Amino acid sequence: MEAHNIEPKEIVKASKKLGRDAAQEIASESKKLIVSKGKKVTVFDLAKDGVTDDAIDAMLGPTGNMRAPCIRSKQLVLVGFNEEVYLEQLS
């Protein structure tokens, strides 16, 4: 993010566990969710389809906590890391 001069408003430490309720809240305030798991990228149109269990499940890791990193930019949420997605969505 530094390479692209992106300054976060808030940083939440990894020690603070964010679970299903937090994921639901974040998704409900957004219109689009993009979840990256390695090279697999899944896009959820929350404005059209609403917040589904599949969308929330995708945001959570195997322990039931929110996957990292999680970035909110306006009405977009990015969960997980995929450099191509970041460059496309945040540039």
PDB file of N, CA and C in Angstrom:
ATOM      1  N   MET A   1       0.824  -1.185   0.000  1.00  0.00           N
ATOM      2  CA  MET A   1       0.000   0.000   0.000  1.00  0.00           C
ATOM      3  C   MET A   1       0.863   1.242   0.000  1.00  0.00           C
ATOM      4  N   GLU A   2       2.006   1.157   0.634  1.00  0.00           N
ATOM      5  CA  GLU A   2       2.907   2.308   0.658  1.00  0.00           C
ATOM      6  C   GLU A   2       3.387   2.670  -0.741  1.00  0.00           C
ATOM      7  N   ALA A   3       3.630   1.664  -1.572  1.00  0.00           N
ATOM      8  CA  ALA A   3       4.124   1.906  -2.926  1.00  0.00           C
ATOM      9  C   ALA A   3       3.131   2.713  -3.752  1.00  0.00           C
ATOM     10  N   HIS A   4       1.848   2.655  -3.378  1.00  0.00           N
ATOM     11  CA  HIS A   4       0.806   3.365  -4.125  1.00  0.00           C
ATOM     12  C   HIS A   4       0.234   4.531  -3.330  1.00  0.00           C
ATOM     13  N   ASN A   5       0.957   4.934  -2.277  1.00  0.00           N
ATOM     14  CA  ASN A   5       0.543   6.067  -1.444  1.00  0.00           C
ATOM     15  C   ASN A   5      -0.878   5.924  -0.906  1.00  0.00           C
ATOM     16  N   ILE A   6      -1.222   4.714  -0.457  1.00  0.00           N
ATOM     17  CA  ILE A   6      -2.528   4.471   0.149  1.00  0.00           C
ATOM     18  C   ILE A   6      -2.341   4.506   1.661  1.00  0.00           C
ATOM     19  N   GLU A   7      -3.070   5.384   2.302  1.00  0.00           N
ATOM     20  CA  GLU A   7      -2.957   5.569   3.742  1.00  0.00           C
ATOM     21  C   GLU A   7      -4.199   5.001   4.424  1.00  0.00           C
ATOM     22  N   PRO A   8      -4.043   3.991   5.286  1.00  0.00           N
ATOM     23  CA  PRO A   8      -5.212   3.437   5.974  1.00  0.00           C
ATOM     24  C   PRO A   8      -5.764   4.398   7.018  1.00  0.00           C
ATOM     25  N   LYS A   9      -7.088   4.422   7.155  1.00  0.00           N
ATOM     26  CA  LYS A   9      -7.733   5.220   8.198  1.00  0.00           C
ATOM     27  C   LYS A   9      -7.645   4.507   9.531  1.00  0.00           C
ATOM     28  N   GLU A  10      -7.751   3.192   9.477  1.00  0.00           N
ATOM     29  CA  GLU A  10      -7.754   2.408  10.701  1.00  0.00           C
ATOM     30  C   GLU A  10      -7.026   1.095  10.453  1.00  0.00           C
ATOM     31  N   ILE A  11      -6.233   0.699  11.407  1.00  0.00           N
ATOM     32  CA  ILE A  11      -5.553  -0.589  11.360  1.00  0.00           C
ATOM     33  C   ILE A  11      -5.990  -1.363  12.593  1.00  0.00           C
ATOM     34  N   VAL A  12      -6.496  -2.562  12.377  1.00  0.00           N
ATOM     35  CA  VAL A  12      -6.928  -3.415  13.476  1.00  0.00           C
ATOM     36  C   VAL A  12      -5.882  -4.507  13.649  1.00  0.00           C
ATOM     37  N   LYS A  13      -5.357  -4.631  14.851  1.00  0.00           N
ATOM     38  CA  LYS A  13      -4.330  -5.629  15.124  1.00  0.00           C
ATOM     39  C   LYS A  13      -4.894  -7.036  14.950  1.00  0.00           C
ATOM     40  N   ALA A  14      -4.042  -7.942  14.503  1.00  0.00           N
ATOM     41  CA  ALA A  14      -4.445  -9.327  14.283  1.00  0.00           C
ATOM     42  C   ALA A  14      -4.884 -10.001  15.574  1.00  0.00           C
ATOM     43  N   SER A  15      -4.425  -9.505  16.698  1.00  0.00           N
ATOM     44  CA  SER A  15      -4.809 -10.098  17.986  1.00  0.00           C
ATOM     45  C   SER A  15      -6.287  -9.851  18.303  1.00  0.00           C
ATOM     46  N   LYS A  16      -6.883  -8.856  17.654  1.00  0.00           N
ATOM     47  CA  LYS A  16      -8.318  -8.612  17.836  1.00  0.00           C
ATOM     48  C   LYS A  16      -9.061  -9.515  16.857  1.00  0.00           C
ATOM     49  N   LYS A  17      -9.733 -10.490  17.384  1.00  0.00           N
ATOM     50  CA  LYS A  17     -10.422 -11.461  16.539  1.00  0.00           C
ATOM     51  C   LYS A  17     -11.765 -10.901  16.073  1.00  0.00           C
ATOM     52  N   LEU A  18     -11.948 -10.877  14.768  1.00  0.00           N
ATOM     53  CA  LEU A  18     -13.203 -10.424  14.174  1.00  0.00           C
ATOM     54  C   LEU A  18     -13.895 -11.643  13.591  1.00  0.00           C
ATOM     55  N   GLY A  19     -15.068 -11.947  14.074  1.00  0.00           N
ATOM     56  CA  GLY A  19     -15.781 -13.143  13.655  1.00  0.00           C
ATOM     57  C   GLY A  19     -16.913 -12.866  12.686  1.00  0.00           C
ATOM     58  N   ARG A  20     -17.880 -13.764  12.701  1.00  0.00           N
ATOM     59  CA  ARG A  20     -19.002 -13.728  11.761  1.00  0.00           C
ATOM     60  C   ARG A  20     -19.807 -12.429  11.884  1.00  0.00           C
ATOM     61  N   ASP A  21     -20.035 -11.966  13.102  1.00  0.00           N
ATOM     62  CA  ASP A  21     -20.820 -10.735  13.289  1.00  0.00           C
ATOM     63  C   ASP A  21     -20.119  -9.535  12.651  1.00  0.00           C
ATOM     64  N   ALA A  22     -18.814  -9.442  12.827  1.00  0.00           N
ATOM     65  CA  ALA A  22     -18.049  -8.342  12.227  1.00  0.00           C
ATOM     66  C   ALA A  22     -18.074  -8.437  10.709  1.00  0.00           C
ATOM     67  N   ALA A  23     -17.924  -9.654  10.189  1.00  0.00           N
ATOM     68  CA  ALA A  23     -17.969  -9.844   8.731  1.00  0.00           C
ATOM     69  C   ALA A  23     -19.331  -9.436   8.184  1.00  0.00           C
ATOM     70  N   GLN A  24     -20.394  -9.817   8.887  1.00  0.00           N
ATOM     71  CA  GLN A  24     -21.758  -9.455   8.480  1.00  0.00           C
ATOM     72  C   GLN A  24     -21.930  -7.938   8.456  1.00  0.00           C
ATOM     73  N   GLU A  25     -21.423  -7.267   9.474  1.00  0.00           N
ATOM     74  CA  GLU A  25     -21.541  -5.806   9.559  1.00  0.00           C
ATOM     75  C   GLU A  25     -20.783  -5.125   8.416  1.00  0.00           C
ATOM     76  N   ILE A  26     -19.557  -5.571   8.180  1.00  0.00           N
ATOM     77  CA  ILE A  26     -18.741  -4.993   7.100  1.00  0.00           C
ATOM     78  C   ILE A  26     -19.411  -5.214   5.754  1.00  0.00           C
ATOM     79  N   ALA A  27     -19.891  -6.420   5.500  1.00  0.00           N
ATOM     80  CA  ALA A  27     -20.529  -6.728   4.218  1.00  0.00           C
ATOM     81  C   ALA A  27     -21.815  -5.925   4.037  1.00  0.00           C
ATOM     82  N   SER A  28     -22.571  -5.752   5.106  1.00  0.00           N
ATOM     83  CA  SER A  28     -23.859  -5.041   4.988  1.00  0.00           C
ATOM     84  C   SER A  28     -23.677  -3.564   4.676  1.00  0.00           C
ATOM     85  N   GLU A  29     -22.479  -3.030   4.927  1.00  0.00           N
ATOM     86  CA  GLU A  29     -22.192  -1.619   4.634  1.00  0.00           C
ATOM     87  C   GLU A  29     -21.536  -1.452   3.263  1.00  0.00           C
ATOM     88  N   SER A  30     -21.500  -2.526   2.472  1.00  0.00           N
ATOM     89  CA  SER A  30     -20.762  -2.511   1.201  1.00  0.00           C
ATOM     90  C   SER A  30     -21.640  -2.942   0.038  1.00  0.00           C
ATOM     91  N   LYS A  31     -21.176  -2.622  -1.161  1.00  0.00           N
ATOM     92  CA  LYS A  31     -21.893  -3.007  -2.374  1.00  0.00           C
ATOM     93  C   LYS A  31     -21.197  -4.135  -3.134  1.00  0.00           C
ATOM     94  N   LYS A  32     -19.879  -4.271  -2.908  1.00  0.00           N
ATOM     95  CA  LYS A  32     -19.111  -5.282  -3.636  1.00  0.00           C
ATOM     96  C   LYS A  32     -18.081  -5.891  -2.702  1.00  0.00           C
ATOM     97  N   LEU A  33     -17.950  -7.213  -2.783  1.00  0.00           N
ATOM     98  CA  LEU A  33     -16.990  -7.950  -1.972  1.00  0.00           C
ATOM     99  C   LEU A  33     -16.145  -8.801  -2.906  1.00  0.00           C
ATOM    100  N   ILE A  34     -14.830  -8.690  -2.761  1.00  0.00           N
ATOM    101  CA  ILE A  34     -13.917  -9.523  -3.535  1.00  0.00           C
ATOM    102  C   ILE A  34     -13.065 -10.292  -2.550  1.00  0.00           C
ATOM    103  N   VAL A  35     -13.123 -11.617  -2.634  1.00  0.00           N
ATOM    104  CA  VAL A  35     -12.374 -12.482  -1.723  1.00  0.00           C
ATOM    105  C   VAL A  35     -11.317 -13.229  -2.522  1.00  0.00           C
ATOM    106  N   SER A  36     -10.074 -13.114  -2.069  1.00  0.00           N
ATOM    107  CA  SER A  36      -8.955 -13.796  -2.716  1.00  0.00           C
ATOM    108  C   SER A  36      -8.419 -14.870  -1.781  1.00  0.00           C
ATOM    109  N   LYS A  37      -8.314 -16.078  -2.320  1.00  0.00           N
ATOM    110  CA  LYS A  37      -7.699 -17.191  -1.591  1.00  0.00           C
ATOM    111  C   LYS A  37      -6.665 -17.772  -2.541  1.00  0.00           C
ATOM    112  N   GLY A  38      -5.426 -17.336  -2.376  1.00  0.00           N
ATOM    113  CA  GLY A  38      -4.389 -17.722  -3.337  1.00  0.00           C
ATOM    114  C   GLY A  38      -4.699 -17.098  -4.680  1.00  0.00           C
ATOM    115  N   LYS A  39      -4.727 -17.897  -5.732  1.00  0.00           N
ATOM    116  CA  LYS A  39      -5.035 -17.378  -7.063  1.00  0.00           C
ATOM    117  C   LYS A  39      -6.534 -17.351  -7.347  1.00  0.00           C
ATOM    118  N   LYS A  40      -7.323 -17.983  -6.470  1.00  0.00           N
ATOM    119  CA  LYS A  40      -8.778 -18.009  -6.655  1.00  0.00           C
ATOM    120  C   LYS A  40      -9.377 -16.693  -6.162  1.00  0.00           C
ATOM    121  N   VAL A  41     -10.141 -16.046  -7.024  1.00  0.00           N
ATOM    122  CA  VAL A  41     -10.788 -14.769  -6.690  1.00  0.00           C
ATOM    123  C   VAL A  41     -12.292 -14.933  -6.905  1.00  0.00           C
ATOM    124  N   THR A  42     -13.062 -14.596  -5.877  1.00  0.00           N
ATOM    125  CA  THR A  42     -14.521 -14.679  -5.957  1.00  0.00           C
ATOM    126  C   THR A  42     -15.095 -13.292  -5.723  1.00  0.00           C
ATOM    127  N   VAL A  43     -15.999 -12.885  -6.609  1.00  0.00           N
ATOM    128  CA  VAL A  43     -16.623 -11.561  -6.527  1.00  0.00           C
ATOM    129  C   VAL A  43     -18.089 -11.735  -6.137  1.00  0.00           C
ATOM    130  N   PHE A  44     -18.516 -10.969  -5.136  1.00  0.00           N
ATOM    131  CA  PHE A  44     -19.905 -10.973  -4.695  1.00  0.00           C
ATOM    132  C   PHE A  44     -20.482  -9.584  -4.936  1.00  0.00           C
ATOM    133  N   ASP A  45     -21.599  -9.528  -5.671  1.00  0.00           N
ATOM    134  CA  ASP A  45     -22.303  -8.272  -5.918  1.00  0.00           C
ATOM    135  C   ASP A  45     -23.339  -8.101  -4.809  1.00  0.00           C
ATOM    136  N   LEU A  46     -22.936  -7.465  -3.728  1.00  0.00           N
ATOM    137  CA  LEU A  46     -23.802  -7.334  -2.563  1.00  0.00           C
ATOM    138  C   LEU A  46     -24.974  -6.398  -2.824  1.00  0.00           C
ATOM    139  N   ALA A  47     -24.789  -5.431  -3.714  1.00  0.00           N
ATOM    140  CA  ALA A  47     -25.875  -4.503  -4.046  1.00  0.00           C
ATOM    141  C   ALA A  47     -27.000  -5.247  -4.754  1.00  0.00           C
ATOM    142  N   LYS A  48     -26.647  -6.198  -5.599  1.00  0.00           N
ATOM    143  CA  LYS A  48     -27.640  -6.940  -6.383  1.00  0.00           C
ATOM    144  C   LYS A  48     -28.187  -8.144  -5.614  1.00  0.00           C
ATOM    145  N   ASP A  49     -27.282  -8.938  -5.027  1.00  0.00           N
ATOM    146  CA  ASP A  49     -27.668 -10.207  -4.426  1.00  0.00           C
ATOM    147  C   ASP A  49     -27.867 -10.147  -2.916  1.00  0.00           C
ATOM    148  N   GLY A  50     -27.461  -9.034  -2.305  1.00  0.00           N
ATOM    149  CA  GLY A  50     -27.533  -8.940  -0.855  1.00  0.00           C
ATOM    150  C   GLY A  50     -26.388  -9.713  -0.206  1.00  0.00           C
ATOM    151  N   VAL A  51     -26.361  -9.669   1.109  1.00  0.00           N
ATOM    152  CA  VAL A  51     -25.318 -10.361   1.864  1.00  0.00           C
ATOM    153  C   VAL A  51     -25.779 -11.797   2.089  1.00  0.00           C
ATOM    154  N   THR A  52     -25.093 -12.731   1.470  1.00  0.00           N
ATOM    155  CA  THR A  52     -25.464 -14.146   1.562  1.00  0.00           C
ATOM    156  C   THR A  52     -24.546 -14.877   2.544  1.00  0.00           C
ATOM    157  N   ASP A  53     -24.978 -16.047   2.956  1.00  0.00           N
ATOM    158  CA  ASP A  53     -24.136 -16.883   3.817  1.00  0.00           C
ATOM    159  C   ASP A  53     -22.837 -17.240   3.104  1.00  0.00           C
ATOM    160  N   ASP A  54     -22.909 -17.462   1.773  1.00  0.00           N
ATOM    161  CA  ASP A  54     -21.699 -17.773   1.004  1.00  0.00           C
ATOM    162  C   ASP A  54     -20.695 -16.627   1.070  1.00  0.00           C
ATOM    163  N   ALA A  55     -21.186 -15.394   0.989  1.00  0.00           N
ATOM    164  CA  ALA A  55     -20.294 -14.232   1.050  1.00  0.00           C
ATOM    165  C   ALA A  55     -19.635 -14.142   2.418  1.00  0.00           C
ATOM    166  N   ILE A  56     -20.407 -14.309   3.467  1.00  0.00           N
ATOM    167  CA  ILE A  56     -19.859 -14.241   4.825  1.00  0.00           C
ATOM    168  C   ILE A  56     -18.881 -15.387   5.054  1.00  0.00           C
ATOM    169  N   ASP A  57     -19.243 -16.589   4.638  1.00  0.00           N
ATOM    170  CA  ASP A  57     -18.355 -17.749   4.792  1.00  0.00           C
ATOM    171  C   ASP A  57     -17.022 -17.520   4.092  1.00  0.00           C
ATOM    172  N   ALA A  58     -17.057 -16.874   2.927  1.00  0.00           N
ATOM    173  CA  ALA A  58     -15.825 -16.618   2.171  1.00  0.00           C
ATOM    174  C   ALA A  58     -14.912 -15.644   2.911  1.00  0.00           C
ATOM    175  N   MET A  59     -15.489 -14.761   3.712  1.00  0.00           N
ATOM    176  CA  MET A  59     -14.707 -13.777   4.446  1.00  0.00           C
ATOM    177  C   MET A  59     -13.995 -14.386   5.653  1.00  0.00           C
ATOM    178  N   LEU A  60     -14.436 -15.563   6.073  1.00  0.00           N
ATOM    179  CA  LEU A  60     -13.920 -16.176   7.294  1.00  0.00           C
ATOM    180  C   LEU A  60     -12.915 -17.276   6.985  1.00  0.00           C
ATOM    181  N   GLY A  61     -11.932 -17.390   7.847  1.00  0.00           N
ATOM    182  CA  GLY A  61     -10.949 -18.451   7.724  1.00  0.00           C
ATOM    183  C   GLY A  61     -11.431 -19.706   8.441  1.00  0.00           C
ATOM    184  N   PRO A  62     -10.595 -20.742   8.487  1.00  0.00           N
ATOM    185  CA  PRO A  62     -10.981 -22.012   9.100  1.00  0.00           C
ATOM    186  C   PRO A  62     -11.264 -21.918  10.600  1.00  0.00           C
ATOM    187  N   THR A  63     -10.736 -20.906  11.258  1.00  0.00           N
ATOM    188  CA  THR A  63     -10.979 -20.737  12.701  1.00  0.00           C
ATOM    189  C   THR A  63     -12.264 -19.965  12.980  1.00  0.00           C
ATOM    190  N   GLY A  64     -12.902 -19.456  11.927  1.00  0.00           N
ATOM    191  CA  GLY A  64     -14.120 -18.668  12.106  1.00  0.00           C
ATOM    192  C   GLY A  64     -13.861 -17.188  12.269  1.00  0.00           C
ATOM    193  N   ASN A  65     -12.603 -16.798  12.175  1.00  0.00           N
ATOM    194  CA  ASN A  65     -12.245 -15.382  12.254  1.00  0.00           C
ATOM    195  C   ASN A  65     -12.057 -14.813  10.852  1.00  0.00           C
ATOM    196  N   MET A  66     -12.214 -13.502  10.755  1.00  0.00           N
ATOM    197  CA  MET A  66     -12.069 -12.841   9.463  1.00  0.00           C
ATOM    198  C   MET A  66     -10.663 -13.043   8.913  1.00  0.00           C
ATOM    199  N   ARG A  67     -10.602 -13.352   7.625  1.00  0.00           N
ATOM    200  CA  ARG A  67      -9.325 -13.533   6.955  1.00  0.00           C
ATOM    201  C   ARG A  67      -8.653 -12.177   6.783  1.00  0.00           C
ATOM    202  N   ALA A  68      -7.339 -12.206   6.714  1.00  0.00           N
ATOM    203  CA  ALA A  68      -6.565 -10.973   6.574  1.00  0.00           C
ATOM    204  C   ALA A  68      -5.783 -11.014   5.271  1.00  0.00           C
ATOM    205  N   PRO A  69      -5.478  -9.889   4.724  1.00  0.00           N
ATOM    206  CA  PRO A  69      -5.963  -8.576   5.142  1.00  0.00           C
ATOM    207  C   PRO A  69      -7.400  -8.350   4.691  1.00  0.00           C
ATOM    208  N   CYS A  70      -8.029  -7.385   5.311  1.00  0.00           N
ATOM    209  CA  CYS A  70      -9.372  -6.954   4.924  1.00  0.00           C
ATOM    210  C   CYS A  70      -9.303  -5.444   4.731  1.00  0.00           C
ATOM    211  N   ILE A  71      -9.663  -5.010   3.539  1.00  0.00           N
ATOM    212  CA  ILE A  71      -9.605  -3.585   3.213  1.00  0.00           C
ATOM    213  C   ILE A  71     -10.979  -3.120   2.776  1.00  0.00           C
ATOM    214  N   ARG A  72     -11.429  -2.019   3.376  1.00  0.00           N
ATOM    215  CA  ARG A  72     -12.668  -1.372   2.935  1.00  0.00           C
ATOM    216  C   ARG A  72     -12.295  -0.065   2.267  1.00  0.00           C
ATOM    217  N   SER A  73     -12.787   0.119   1.063  1.00  0.00           N
ATOM    218  CA  SER A  73     -12.577   1.357   0.329  1.00  0.00           C
ATOM    219  C   SER A  73     -13.918   1.772  -0.263  1.00  0.00           C
ATOM    220  N   LYS A  74     -14.494   2.769   0.335  1.00  0.00           N
ATOM    221  CA  LYS A  74     -15.830   3.234  -0.047  1.00  0.00           C
ATOM    222  C   LYS A  74     -16.814   2.079   0.094  1.00  0.00           C
ATOM    223  N   GLN A  75     -17.421   1.609  -0.981  1.00  0.00           N
ATOM    224  CA  GLN A  75     -18.409   0.531  -0.930  1.00  0.00           C
ATOM    225  C   GLN A  75     -17.832  -0.817  -1.368  1.00  0.00           C
ATOM    226  N   LEU A  76     -16.507  -0.915  -1.386  1.00  0.00           N
ATOM    227  CA  LEU A  76     -15.796  -2.125  -1.801  1.00  0.00           C
ATOM    228  C   LEU A  76     -15.082  -2.742  -0.611  1.00  0.00           C
ATOM    229  N   VAL A  77     -15.147  -4.069  -0.498  1.00  0.00           N
ATOM    230  CA  VAL A  77     -14.394  -4.798   0.519  1.00  0.00           C
ATOM    231  C   VAL A  77     -13.515  -5.821  -0.184  1.00  0.00           C
ATOM    232  N   LEU A  78     -12.233  -5.812   0.161  1.00  0.00           N
ATOM    233  CA  LEU A  78     -11.281  -6.798  -0.336  1.00  0.00           C
ATOM    234  C   LEU A  78     -10.836  -7.648   0.841  1.00  0.00           C
ATOM    235  N   VAL A  79     -10.963  -8.959   0.713  1.00  0.00           N
ATOM    236  CA  VAL A  79     -10.546  -9.873   1.771  1.00  0.00           C
ATOM    237  C   VAL A  79      -9.532 -10.833   1.171  1.00  0.00           C
ATOM    238  N   GLY A  80      -8.422 -11.024   1.887  1.00  0.00           N
ATOM    239  CA  GLY A  80      -7.342 -11.846   1.357  1.00  0.00           C
ATOM    240  C   GLY A  80      -6.463 -10.999   0.460  1.00  0.00           C
ATOM    241  N   PHE A  81      -5.379 -11.584   0.007  1.00  0.00           N
ATOM    242  CA  PHE A  81      -4.453 -10.803  -0.812  1.00  0.00           C
ATOM    243  C   PHE A  81      -4.261 -11.421  -2.177  1.00  0.00           C
ATOM    244  N   ASN A  82      -4.424 -10.591  -3.195  1.00  0.00           N
ATOM    245  CA  ASN A  82      -4.111 -10.931  -4.570  1.00  0.00           C
ATOM    246  C   ASN A  82      -3.616  -9.630  -5.207  1.00  0.00           C
ATOM    247  N   GLU A  83      -2.340  -9.591  -5.558  1.00  0.00           N
ATOM    248  CA  GLU A  83      -1.736  -8.346  -6.040  1.00  0.00           C
ATOM    249  C   GLU A  83      -2.459  -7.777  -7.253  1.00  0.00           C
ATOM    250  N   GLU A  84      -2.854  -8.639  -8.190  1.00  0.00           N
ATOM    251  CA  GLU A  84      -3.552  -8.151  -9.387  1.00  0.00           C
ATOM    252  C   GLU A  84      -4.871  -7.472  -9.015  1.00  0.00           C
ATOM    253  N   VAL A  85      -5.606  -8.067  -8.102  1.00  0.00           N
ATOM    254  CA  VAL A  85      -6.884  -7.484  -7.664  1.00  0.00           C
ATOM    255  C   VAL A  85      -6.639  -6.143  -6.985  1.00  0.00           C
ATOM    256  N   TYR A  86      -5.645  -6.079  -6.108  1.00  0.00           N
ATOM    257  CA  TYR A  86      -5.331  -4.829  -5.431  1.00  0.00           C
ATOM    258  C   TYR A  86      -4.985  -3.729  -6.419  1.00  0.00           C
ATOM    259  N   LEU A  87      -4.116  -4.038  -7.380  1.00  0.00           N
ATOM    260  CA  LEU A  87      -3.724  -3.041  -8.374  1.00  0.00           C
ATOM    261  C   LEU A  87      -4.931  -2.571  -9.181  1.00  0.00           C
ATOM    262  N   GLU A  88      -5.773  -3.500  -9.560  1.00  0.00           N
ATOM    263  CA  GLU A  88      -6.954  -3.158 -10.371  1.00  0.00           C
ATOM    264  C   GLU A  88      -7.968  -2.340  -9.580  1.00  0.00           C
ATOM    265  N   GLN A  89      -8.225  -2.703  -8.347  1.00  0.00           N
ATOM    266  CA  GLN A  89      -9.290  -2.078  -7.570  1.00  0.00           C
ATOM    267  C   GLN A  89      -8.863  -0.826  -6.812  1.00  0.00           C
ATOM    268  N   LEU A  90      -7.602  -0.728  -6.450  1.00  0.00           N
ATOM    269  CA  LEU A  90      -7.169   0.384  -5.609  1.00  0.00           C
ATOM    270  C   LEU A  90      -6.353   1.440  -6.337  1.00  0.00           C
ATOM    271  N   SER A  91      -6.104   1.253  -7.617  1.00  0.00           N
ATOM    272  CA  SER A  91      -5.312   2.244  -8.375  1.00  0.00           C
ATOM    273  C   SER A  91      -6.219   3.259  -9.021  1.00  0.00           C
TER     274      SER A  91
END
